[in-house]
PDB file of all heavy atoms in Angstrom:
ATOM      1  N   LEU A   1       5.894  -5.023  -3.261  1.00  0.00           N
ATOM      2  CA  LEU A   1       4.780  -5.923  -2.962  1.00  0.00           C
ATOM      3  C   LEU A   1       4.093  -5.520  -1.675  1.00  0.00           C
ATOM      4  O   LEU A   1       2.872  -5.560  -1.563  1.00  0.00           O
ATOM      5  CB  LEU A   1       5.300  -7.356  -2.870  1.00  0.00           C
ATOM      6  CG  LEU A   1       5.773  -7.994  -4.190  1.00  0.00           C
ATOM      7  CD1 LEU A   1       6.304  -9.389  -3.929  1.00  0.00           C
ATOM      8  CD2 LEU A   1       4.671  -8.032  -5.216  1.00  0.00           C
ATOM      9  N   SER A   2       4.872  -5.103  -0.664  1.00  0.00           N
ATOM     10  CA  SER A   2       4.263  -4.656   0.589  1.00  0.00           C
ATOM     11  C   SER A   2       3.406  -3.420   0.367  1.00  0.00           C
ATOM     12  O   SER A   2       2.337  -3.266   0.933  1.00  0.00           O
ATOM     13  CB  SER A   2       5.368  -4.361   1.615  1.00  0.00           C
ATOM     14  OG  SER A   2       6.127  -5.534   1.867  1.00  0.00           O
ATOM     15  N   LYS A   3       3.883  -2.530  -0.493  1.00  0.00           N
ATOM     16  CA  LYS A   3       3.107  -1.326  -0.801  1.00  0.00           C
ATOM     17  C   LYS A   3       1.807  -1.696  -1.489  1.00  0.00           C
ATOM     18  O   LYS A   3       0.754  -1.131  -1.206  1.00  0.00           O
ATOM     19  CB  LYS A   3       3.935  -0.405  -1.702  1.00  0.00           C
ATOM     20  CG  LYS A   3       3.247   0.890  -2.059  1.00  0.00           C
ATOM     21  CD  LYS A   3       4.140   1.743  -2.939  1.00  0.00           C
ATOM     22  CE  LYS A   3       3.432   3.041  -3.330  1.00  0.00           C
ATOM     23  NZ  LYS A   3       4.296   3.864  -4.220  1.00  0.00           N
ATOM     24  N   GLY A   4       1.860  -2.681  -2.417  1.00  0.00           N
ATOM     25  CA  GLY A   4       0.631  -3.125  -3.082  1.00  0.00           C
ATOM     26  C   GLY A   4      -0.334  -3.761  -2.112  1.00  0.00           C
ATOM     27  O   GLY A   4      -1.543  -3.562  -2.216  1.00  0.00           O
ATOM     28  N   GLU A   5       0.193  -4.525  -1.146  1.00  0.00           N
ATOM     29  CA  GLU A   5      -0.683  -5.130  -0.146  1.00  0.00           C
ATOM     30  C   GLU A   5      -1.372  -4.050   0.689  1.00  0.00           C
ATOM     31  O   GLU A   5      -2.555  -4.153   1.022  1.00  0.00           O
ATOM     32  CB  GLU A   5       0.129  -6.054   0.753  1.00  0.00           C
ATOM     33  CG  GLU A   5       0.619  -7.319   0.041  1.00  0.00           C
ATOM     34  CD  GLU A   5       1.504  -8.162   0.936  1.00  0.00           C
ATOM     35  OE1 GLU A   5       1.741  -7.724   2.074  1.00  0.00           O
ATOM     36  OE2 GLU A   5       1.942  -9.237   0.502  1.00  0.00           O
ATOM     37  N   THR A   6      -0.619  -3.001   1.019  1.00  0.00           N
ATOM     38  CA  THR A   6      -1.212  -1.900   1.788  1.00  0.00           C
ATOM     39  C   THR A   6      -2.336  -1.235   1.016  1.00  0.00           C
ATOM     40  O   THR A   6      -3.406  -0.938   1.555  1.00  0.00           O
ATOM     41  CB  THR A   6      -0.125  -0.879   2.145  1.00  0.00           C
ATOM     42  OG1 THR A   6       0.910  -1.527   2.876  1.00  0.00           O
ATOM     43  CG2 THR A   6      -0.709   0.264   2.971  1.00  0.00           C
ATOM     44  N   LYS A   7      -2.102  -1.009  -0.283  1.00  0.00           N
ATOM     45  CA  LYS A   7      -3.137  -0.376  -1.109  1.00  0.00           C
ATOM     46  C   LYS A   7      -4.348  -1.290  -1.241  1.00  0.00           C
ATOM     47  O   LYS A   7      -5.498  -0.843  -1.220  1.00  0.00           O
ATOM     48  CB  LYS A   7      -2.560  -0.045  -2.481  1.00  0.00           C
ATOM     49  CG  LYS A   7      -3.510   0.723  -3.390  1.00  0.00           C
ATOM     50  CD  LYS A   7      -2.810   1.196  -4.641  1.00  0.00           C
ATOM     51  CE  LYS A   7      -1.758   2.241  -4.325  1.00  0.00           C
ATOM     52  NZ  LYS A   7      -1.160   2.800  -5.553  1.00  0.00           N
ATOM     53  N   ALA A   8      -4.094  -2.609  -1.381  1.00  0.00           N
ATOM     54  CA  ALA A   8      -5.206  -3.564  -1.483  1.00  0.00           C
ATOM     55  C   ALA A   8      -6.043  -3.560  -0.212  1.00  0.00           C
ATOM     56  O   ALA A   8      -7.276  -3.613  -0.256  1.00  0.00           O
ATOM     57  CB  ALA A   8      -4.665  -4.968  -1.770  1.00  0.00           C
ATOM     58  N   LYS A   9      -5.357  -3.464   0.953  1.00  0.00           N
ATOM     59  CA  LYS A   9      -6.102  -3.409   2.217  1.00  0.00           C
ATOM     60  C   LYS A   9      -6.965  -2.145   2.274  1.00  0.00           C
ATOM     61  O   LYS A   9      -8.105  -2.177   2.741  1.00  0.00           O
ATOM     62  CB  LYS A   9      -5.128  -3.428   3.391  1.00  0.00           C
ATOM     63  CG  LYS A   9      -4.351  -4.729   3.530  1.00  0.00           C
ATOM     64  CD  LYS A   9      -3.317  -4.608   4.636  1.00  0.00           C
ATOM     65  CE  LYS A   9      -2.362  -5.792   4.629  1.00  0.00           C
ATOM     66  NZ  LYS A   9      -1.276  -5.641   5.607  1.00  0.00           N
ATOM     67  N   GLN A  10      -6.409  -1.020   1.780  1.00  0.00           N
ATOM     68  CA  GLN A  10      -7.185   0.229   1.793  1.00  0.00           C
ATOM     69  C   GLN A  10      -8.401   0.116   0.886  1.00  0.00           C
ATOM     70  O   GLN A  10      -9.485   0.632   1.198  1.00  0.00           O
ATOM     71  CB  GLN A  10      -6.288   1.388   1.333  1.00  0.00           C
ATOM     72  CG  GLN A  10      -6.978   2.747   1.347  1.00  0.00           C
ATOM     73  CD  GLN A  10      -7.464   3.122   2.735  1.00  0.00           C
ATOM     74  OE1 GLN A  10      -6.781   2.883   3.726  1.00  0.00           O
ATOM     75  NE2 GLN A  10      -8.648   3.712   2.823  1.00  0.00           N
ATOM     76  N   ILE A  11      -8.244  -0.566  -0.266  1.00  0.00           N
ATOM     77  CA  ILE A  11      -9.376  -0.764  -1.174  1.00  0.00           C
ATOM     78  C   ILE A  11     -10.451  -1.607  -0.505  1.00  0.00           C
ATOM     79  O   ILE A  11     -11.648  -1.347  -0.634  1.00  0.00           O
ATOM     80  CB  ILE A  11      -8.894  -1.413  -2.481  1.00  0.00           C
ATOM     81  CG1 ILE A  11      -8.032  -0.417  -3.266  1.00  0.00           C
ATOM     82  CG2 ILE A  11     -10.068  -1.872  -3.334  1.00  0.00           C
ATOM     83  CD1 ILE A  11      -7.402  -1.010  -4.507  1.00  0.00           C
ATOM     84  N   VAL A  12     -10.014  -2.650   0.232  1.00  0.00           N
ATOM     85  CA  VAL A  12     -10.984  -3.486   0.946  1.00  0.00           C
ATOM     86  C   VAL A  12     -11.759  -2.658   1.961  1.00  0.00           C
ATOM     87  O   VAL A  12     -12.971  -2.802   2.122  1.00  0.00           O
ATOM     88  CB  VAL A  12     -10.258  -4.665   1.633  1.00  0.00           C
ATOM     89  CG1 VAL A  12     -11.206  -5.405   2.559  1.00  0.00           C
ATOM     90  CG2 VAL A  12      -9.699  -5.615   0.593  1.00  0.00           C
ATOM     91  N   VAL A  13     -11.043  -1.740   2.652  1.00  0.00           N
ATOM     92  CA  VAL A  13     -11.711  -0.870   3.629  1.00  0.00           C
ATOM     93  C   VAL A  13     -12.739   0.021   2.932  1.00  0.00           C
ATOM     94  O   VAL A  13     -13.874   0.199   3.404  1.00  0.00           O
ATOM     95  CB  VAL A  13     -10.673  -0.031   4.387  1.00  0.00           C
ATOM     96  CG1 VAL A  13     -11.366   1.020   5.266  1.00  0.00           C
ATOM     97  CG2 VAL A  13      -9.794  -0.920   5.254  1.00  0.00           C
ATOM     98  N   THR A  14     -12.357   0.595   1.774  1.00  0.00           N
ATOM     99  CA  THR A  14     -13.282   1.466   1.042  1.00  0.00           C
ATOM    100  C   THR A  14     -14.470   0.681   0.517  1.00  0.00           C
ATOM    101  O   THR A  14     -15.606   1.163   0.522  1.00  0.00           O
ATOM    102  CB  THR A  14     -12.545   2.142  -0.127  1.00  0.00           C
ATOM    103  OG1 THR A  14     -11.349   2.772   0.365  1.00  0.00           O
ATOM    104  CG2 THR A  14     -13.425   3.199  -0.769  1.00  0.00           C
ATOM    105  N   LEU A  15     -14.224  -0.555   0.041  1.00  0.00           N
ATOM    106  CA  LEU A  15     -15.339  -1.392  -0.422  1.00  0.00           C
ATOM    107  C   LEU A  15     -16.294  -1.709   0.726  1.00  0.00           C
ATOM    108  O   LEU A  15     -17.513  -1.728   0.544  1.00  0.00           O
ATOM    109  CB  LEU A  15     -14.789  -2.689  -1.025  1.00  0.00           C
ATOM    110  CG  LEU A  15     -14.162  -2.580  -2.417  1.00  0.00           C
ATOM    111  CD1 LEU A  15     -13.521  -3.897  -2.812  1.00  0.00           C
ATOM    112  CD2 LEU A  15     -15.194  -2.167  -3.450  1.00  0.00           C
ATOM    113  N   ASP A  16     -15.735  -1.949   1.920  1.00  0.00           N
ATOM    114  CA  ASP A  16     -16.592  -2.199   3.077  1.00  0.00           C
ATOM    115  C   ASP A  16     -17.424  -0.969   3.406  1.00  0.00           C
ATOM    116  O   ASP A  16     -18.603  -1.073   3.738  1.00  0.00           O
ATOM    117  CB  ASP A  16     -15.726  -2.589   4.280  1.00  0.00           C
ATOM    118  CG  ASP A  16     -16.562  -2.770   5.535  1.00  0.00           C
ATOM    119  OD1 ASP A  16     -17.334  -3.745   5.608  1.00  0.00           O
ATOM    120  OD2 ASP A  16     -16.452  -1.925   6.447  1.00  0.00           O
ATOM    121  N   GLU A  17     -16.801   0.214   3.287  1.00  0.00           N
ATOM    122  CA  GLU A  17     -17.542   1.454   3.546  1.00  0.00           C
ATOM    123  C   GLU A  17     -18.663   1.634   2.531  1.00  0.00           C
ATOM    124  O   GLU A  17     -19.788   2.005   2.878  1.00  0.00           O
ATOM    125  CB  GLU A  17     -16.581   2.643   3.487  1.00  0.00           C
ATOM    126  CG  GLU A  17     -17.242   3.978   3.779  1.00  0.00           C
ATOM    127  CD  GLU A  17     -16.253   5.125   3.742  1.00  0.00           C
ATOM    128  OE1 GLU A  17     -15.033   4.849   3.672  1.00  0.00           O
ATOM    129  OE2 GLU A  17     -16.683   6.284   3.782  1.00  0.00           O
ATOM    130  N   MET A  18     -18.361   1.341   1.238  1.00  0.00           N
ATOM    131  CA  MET A  18     -19.384   1.469   0.203  1.00  0.00           C
ATOM    132  C   MET A  18     -20.517   0.474   0.437  1.00  0.00           C
ATOM    133  O   MET A  18     -21.697   0.807   0.282  1.00  0.00           O
ATOM    134  CB  MET A  18     -18.752   1.238  -1.164  1.00  0.00           C
ATOM    135  CG  MET A  18     -19.723   1.439  -2.326  1.00  0.00           C
ATOM    136  SD  MET A  18     -18.920   1.285  -3.928  1.00  0.00           S
ATOM    137  CE  MET A  18     -18.473  -0.441  -3.890  1.00  0.00           C
ATOM    138  N   ASN A  19     -20.175  -0.761   0.828  1.00  0.00           N
ATOM    139  CA  ASN A  19     -21.200  -1.763   1.106  1.00  0.00           C
ATOM    140  C   ASN A  19     -22.064  -1.341   2.285  1.00  0.00           C
ATOM    141  O   ASN A  19     -23.280  -1.531   2.284  1.00  0.00           O
ATOM    142  CB  ASN A  19     -20.527  -3.107   1.384  1.00  0.00           C
ATOM    143  CG  ASN A  19     -21.544  -4.220   1.577  1.00  0.00           C
ATOM    144  OD1 ASN A  19     -22.414  -4.432   0.736  1.00  0.00           O
ATOM    145  ND2 ASN A  19     -21.447  -4.922   2.684  1.00  0.00           N
ATOM    146  N   THR A  20     -21.414  -0.740   3.317  1.00  0.00           N
ATOM    147  CA  THR A  20     -22.183  -0.259   4.470  1.00  0.00           C
ATOM    148  C   THR A  20     -23.124   0.863   4.057  1.00  0.00           C
ATOM    149  O   THR A  20     -24.274   0.934   4.520  1.00  0.00           O
ATOM    150  CB  THR A  20     -21.221   0.228   5.568  1.00  0.00           C
ATOM    151  OG1 THR A  20     -20.272  -0.803   5.859  1.00  0.00           O
ATOM    152  CG2 THR A  20     -21.985   0.583   6.828  1.00  0.00           C
ATOM    153  N   TYR A  21     -22.658   1.753   3.169  1.00  0.00           N
ATOM    154  CA  TYR A  21     -23.517   2.813   2.645  1.00  0.00           C
ATOM    155  C   TYR A  21     -24.739   2.214   1.939  1.00  0.00           C
ATOM    156  O   TYR A  21     -25.874   2.675   2.123  1.00  0.00           O
ATOM    157  CB  TYR A  21     -22.737   3.685   1.655  1.00  0.00           C
ATOM    158  CG  TYR A  21     -22.065   4.885   2.277  1.00  0.00           C
ATOM    159  CD1 TYR A  21     -20.739   5.180   2.000  1.00  0.00           C
ATOM    160  CD2 TYR A  21     -22.759   5.738   3.120  1.00  0.00           C
ATOM    161  CE1 TYR A  21     -20.117   6.285   2.557  1.00  0.00           C
ATOM    162  CE2 TYR A  21     -22.155   6.851   3.682  1.00  0.00           C
ATOM    163  CZ  TYR A  21     -20.826   7.128   3.399  1.00  0.00           C
ATOM    164  OH  TYR A  21     -20.226   8.211   3.956  1.00  0.00           O
ATOM    165  N   ARG A  22     -24.513   1.191   1.131  1.00  0.00           N
ATOM    166  CA  ARG A  22     -25.622   0.609   0.376  1.00  0.00           C
ATOM    167  C   ARG A  22     -26.629  -0.065   1.299  1.00  0.00           C
ATOM    168  O   ARG A  22     -27.837  -0.024   1.063  1.00  0.00           O
ATOM    169  CB  ARG A  22     -25.085  -0.395  -0.648  1.00  0.00           C
ATOM    170  CG  ARG A  22     -24.331   0.261  -1.778  1.00  0.00           C
ATOM    171  CD  ARG A  22     -24.269  -0.625  -3.015  1.00  0.00           C
ATOM    172  NE  ARG A  22     -23.705   0.100  -4.137  1.00  0.00           N
ATOM    173  CZ  ARG A  22     -24.385   0.884  -4.949  1.00  0.00           C
ATOM    174  NH1 ARG A  22     -25.692   1.048  -4.745  1.00  0.00           N
ATOM    175  NH2 ARG A  22     -23.814   1.508  -5.950  1.00  0.00           N
ATOM    176  N   ILE A  23     -26.139  -0.686   2.367  1.00  0.00           N
ATOM    177  CA  ILE A  23     -27.065  -1.267   3.343  1.00  0.00           C
ATOM    178  C   ILE A  23     -27.924  -0.169   3.959  1.00  0.00           C
ATOM    179  O   ILE A  23     -29.144  -0.323   4.142  1.00  0.00           O
ATOM    180  CB  ILE A  23     -26.274  -2.029   4.422  1.00  0.00           C
ATOM    181  CG1 ILE A  23     -25.596  -3.256   3.823  1.00  0.00           C
ATOM    182  CG2 ILE A  23     -27.203  -2.456   5.566  1.00  0.00           C
ATOM    183  CD1 ILE A  23     -24.688  -3.990   4.789  1.00  0.00           C
ATOM    184  N   ALA A  24     -27.282   0.965   4.299  1.00  0.00           N
ATOM    185  CA  ALA A  24     -28.025   2.077   4.905  1.00  0.00           C
ATOM    186  C   ALA A  24     -29.040   2.667   3.925  1.00  0.00           C
ATOM    187  O   ALA A  24     -30.165   3.016   4.309  1.00  0.00           O
ATOM    188  CB  ALA A  24     -27.051   3.150   5.374  1.00  0.00           C
ATOM    189  N   ILE A  25     -28.647   2.767   2.634  1.00  0.00           N
ATOM    190  CA  ILE A  25     -29.549   3.344   1.639  1.00  0.00           C
ATOM    191  C   ILE A  25     -30.785   2.467   1.453  1.00  0.00           C
ATOM    192  O   ILE A  25     -31.895   2.957   1.238  1.00  0.00           O
ATOM    193  CB  ILE A  25     -28.793   3.542   0.316  1.00  0.00           C
ATOM    194  CG1 ILE A  25     -27.858   4.752   0.447  1.00  0.00           C
ATOM    195  CG2 ILE A  25     -29.739   3.741  -0.851  1.00  0.00           C
ATOM    196  CD1 ILE A  25     -26.993   4.985  -0.739  1.00  0.00           C
ATOM    197  N   GLU A  26     -30.580   1.131   1.540  1.00  0.00           N
ATOM    198  CA  GLU A  26     -31.732   0.241   1.424  1.00  0.00           C
ATOM    199  C   GLU A  26     -32.732   0.437   2.557  1.00  0.00           C
ATOM    200  O   GLU A  26     -33.898   0.060   2.435  1.00  0.00           O
ATOM    201  CB  GLU A  26     -31.240  -1.209   1.416  1.00  0.00           C
ATOM    202  CG  GLU A  26     -30.473  -1.581   0.151  1.00  0.00           C
ATOM    203  CD  GLU A  26     -29.911  -2.989   0.221  1.00  0.00           C
ATOM    204  OE1 GLU A  26     -30.098  -3.619   1.287  1.00  0.00           O
ATOM    205  OE2 GLU A  26     -29.318  -3.444  -0.762  1.00  0.00           O
ATOM    206  N   LYS A  27     -32.280   1.011   3.660  1.00  0.00           N
ATOM    207  CA  LYS A  27     -33.162   1.230   4.804  1.00  0.00           C
ATOM    208  C   LYS A  27     -33.846   2.599   4.742  1.00  0.00           C
ATOM    209  O   LYS A  27     -34.700   2.906   5.575  1.00  0.00           O
ATOM    210  CB  LYS A  27     -32.369   1.098   6.110  1.00  0.00           C
ATOM    211  CG  LYS A  27     -31.736  -0.279   6.290  1.00  0.00           C
ATOM    212  CD  LYS A  27     -30.952  -0.364   7.583  1.00  0.00           C
ATOM    213  CE  LYS A  27     -30.295  -1.734   7.720  1.00  0.00           C
ATOM    214  NZ  LYS A  27     -31.281  -2.826   7.733  1.00  0.00           N
ATOM    215  N   LEU A  28     -33.443   3.476   3.814  1.00  0.00           N
ATOM    216  CA  LEU A  28     -34.047   4.806   3.693  1.00  0.00           C
ATOM    217  C   LEU A  28     -35.229   4.760   2.720  1.00  0.00           C
ATOM    218  O   LEU A  28     -35.205   4.019   1.732  1.00  0.00           O
ATOM    219  CB  LEU A  28     -33.025   5.813   3.192  1.00  0.00           C
ATOM    220  CG  LEU A  28     -31.917   6.225   4.157  1.00  0.00           C
ATOM    221  CD1 LEU A  28     -30.986   7.222   3.485  1.00  0.00           C
ATOM    222  CD2 LEU A  28     -32.491   6.827   5.433  1.00  0.00           C
ATOM    223  N   PRO A  29     -36.252   5.573   2.942  1.00  0.00           N
ATOM    224  CA  PRO A  29     -37.395   5.639   2.015  1.00  0.00           C
ATOM    225  C   PRO A  29     -37.076   6.527   0.818  1.00  0.00           C
ATOM    226  O   PRO A  29     -37.424   7.705   0.782  1.00  0.00           O
ATOM    227  CB  PRO A  29     -38.511   6.244   2.885  1.00  0.00           C
ATOM    228  CG  PRO A  29     -37.784   7.073   3.901  1.00  0.00           C
ATOM    229  CD  PRO A  29     -36.486   6.367   4.171  1.00  0.00           C
ATOM    230  N   LEU A  30     -36.391   5.979  -0.179  1.00  0.00           N
ATOM    231  CA  LEU A  30     -35.936   6.762  -1.324  1.00  0.00           C
ATOM    232  C   LEU A  30     -36.761   6.525  -2.581  1.00  0.00           C
ATOM    233  O   LEU A  30     -36.573   7.224  -3.570  1.00  0.00           O
ATOM    234  CB  LEU A  30     -34.460   6.439  -1.620  1.00  0.00           C
ATOM    235  CG  LEU A  30     -33.448   6.847  -0.553  1.00  0.00           C
ATOM    236  CD1 LEU A  30     -32.055   6.406  -0.963  1.00  0.00           C
ATOM    237  CD2 LEU A  30     -33.468   8.344  -0.323  1.00  0.00           C
ATOM    238  N   ALA A  31     -37.645   5.543  -2.584  1.00  0.00           N
ATOM    239  CA  ALA A  31     -38.425   5.253  -3.788  1.00  0.00           C
ATOM    240  C   ALA A  31     -39.602   6.220  -3.909  1.00  0.00           C
ATOM    241  O   ALA A  31     -39.955   6.936  -2.965  1.00  0.00           O
ATOM    242  CB  ALA A  31     -38.910   3.804  -3.762  1.00  0.00           C
ATOM    243  N   MET A  32     -40.228   6.239  -5.082  1.00  0.00           N
ATOM    244  CA  MET A  32     -41.407   7.068  -5.313  1.00  0.00           C
ATOM    245  C   MET A  32     -42.648   6.320  -4.824  1.00  0.00           C
ATOM    246  O   MET A  32     -42.813   5.129  -5.101  1.00  0.00           O
ATOM    247  CB  MET A  32     -41.545   7.370  -6.803  1.00  0.00           C
ATOM    248  CG  MET A  32     -40.553   8.388  -7.316  1.00  0.00           C
ATOM    249  SD  MET A  32     -40.839  10.037  -6.638  1.00  0.00           S
ATOM    250  CE  MET A  32     -42.430  10.421  -7.347  1.00  0.00           C
ATOM    251  N   PRO A  33     -43.549   7.003  -4.098  1.00  0.00           N
ATOM    252  CA  PRO A  33     -44.770   6.329  -3.639  1.00  0.00           C
ATOM    253  C   PRO A  33     -45.783   6.109  -4.754  1.00  0.00           C
ATOM    254  O   PRO A  33     -46.655   5.261  -4.624  1.00  0.00           O
ATOM    255  CB  PRO A  33     -45.309   7.288  -2.576  1.00  0.00           C
ATOM    256  CG  PRO A  33     -44.789   8.626  -2.976  1.00  0.00           C
ATOM    257  CD  PRO A  33     -43.450   8.384  -3.593  1.00  0.00           C
ATOM    258  N   VAL A  34     -45.674   6.869  -5.828  1.00  0.00           N
ATOM    259  CA  VAL A  34     -46.604   6.751  -6.955  1.00  0.00           C
ATOM    260  C   VAL A  34     -45.787   6.525  -8.216  1.00  0.00           C
ATOM    261  O   VAL A  34     -44.887   7.319  -8.520  1.00  0.00           O
ATOM    262  CB  VAL A  34     -47.482   8.014  -7.105  1.00  0.00           C
ATOM    263  CG1 VAL A  34     -48.407   7.875  -8.313  1.00  0.00           C
ATOM    264  CG2 VAL A  34     -48.296   8.249  -5.845  1.00  0.00           C
ATOM    265  N   LYS A  35     -46.059   5.430  -8.928  1.00  0.00           N
ATOM    266  CA  LYS A  35     -45.330   5.118 -10.144  1.00  0.00           C
ATOM    267  C   LYS A  35     -46.118   5.473 -11.399  1.00  0.00           C
ATOM    268  O   LYS A  35     -45.545   5.554 -12.485  1.00  0.00           O
ATOM    269  CB  LYS A  35     -44.972   3.627 -10.165  1.00  0.00           C
ATOM    270  CG  LYS A  35     -44.073   3.211  -9.002  1.00  0.00           C
ATOM    271  CD  LYS A  35     -43.754   1.725  -9.069  1.00  0.00           C
ATOM    272  CE  LYS A  35     -42.887   1.313  -7.882  1.00  0.00           C
ATOM    273  NZ  LYS A  35     -42.557  -0.143  -7.904  1.00  0.00           N
ATOM    274  N   SER A  36     -47.438   5.672 -11.266  1.00  0.00           N
ATOM    275  CA  SER A  36     -48.255   6.068 -12.408  1.00  0.00           C
ATOM    276  C   SER A  36     -48.126   7.580 -12.613  1.00  0.00           C
ATOM    277  O   SER A  36     -47.477   8.286 -11.852  1.00  0.00           O
ATOM    278  CB  SER A  36     -49.704   5.671 -12.170  1.00  0.00           C
ATOM    279  OG  SER A  36     -49.811   4.281 -11.895  1.00  0.00           O
ATOM    280  N   SER A  37     -48.790   8.074 -13.653  1.00  0.00           N
ATOM    281  CA  SER A  37     -48.758   9.512 -13.938  1.00  0.00           C
ATOM    282  C   SER A  37     -49.487  10.280 -12.837  1.00  0.00           C
ATOM    283  O   SER A  37     -50.559   9.865 -12.384  1.00  0.00           O
ATOM    284  CB  SER A  37     -49.415   9.789 -15.297  1.00  0.00           C
ATOM    285  OG  SER A  37     -48.717   9.142 -16.332  1.00  0.00           O
TER     286      SER A  37
END
């Protein structure tokens, strides 16, 4: 059970990292400026 708790904590850390990445991506200009042909 302690080992599972450790792995769960690591998953939470990775999820936080992924969420931080997504926040950063929302701040980058990644969309297309022209949507028409």
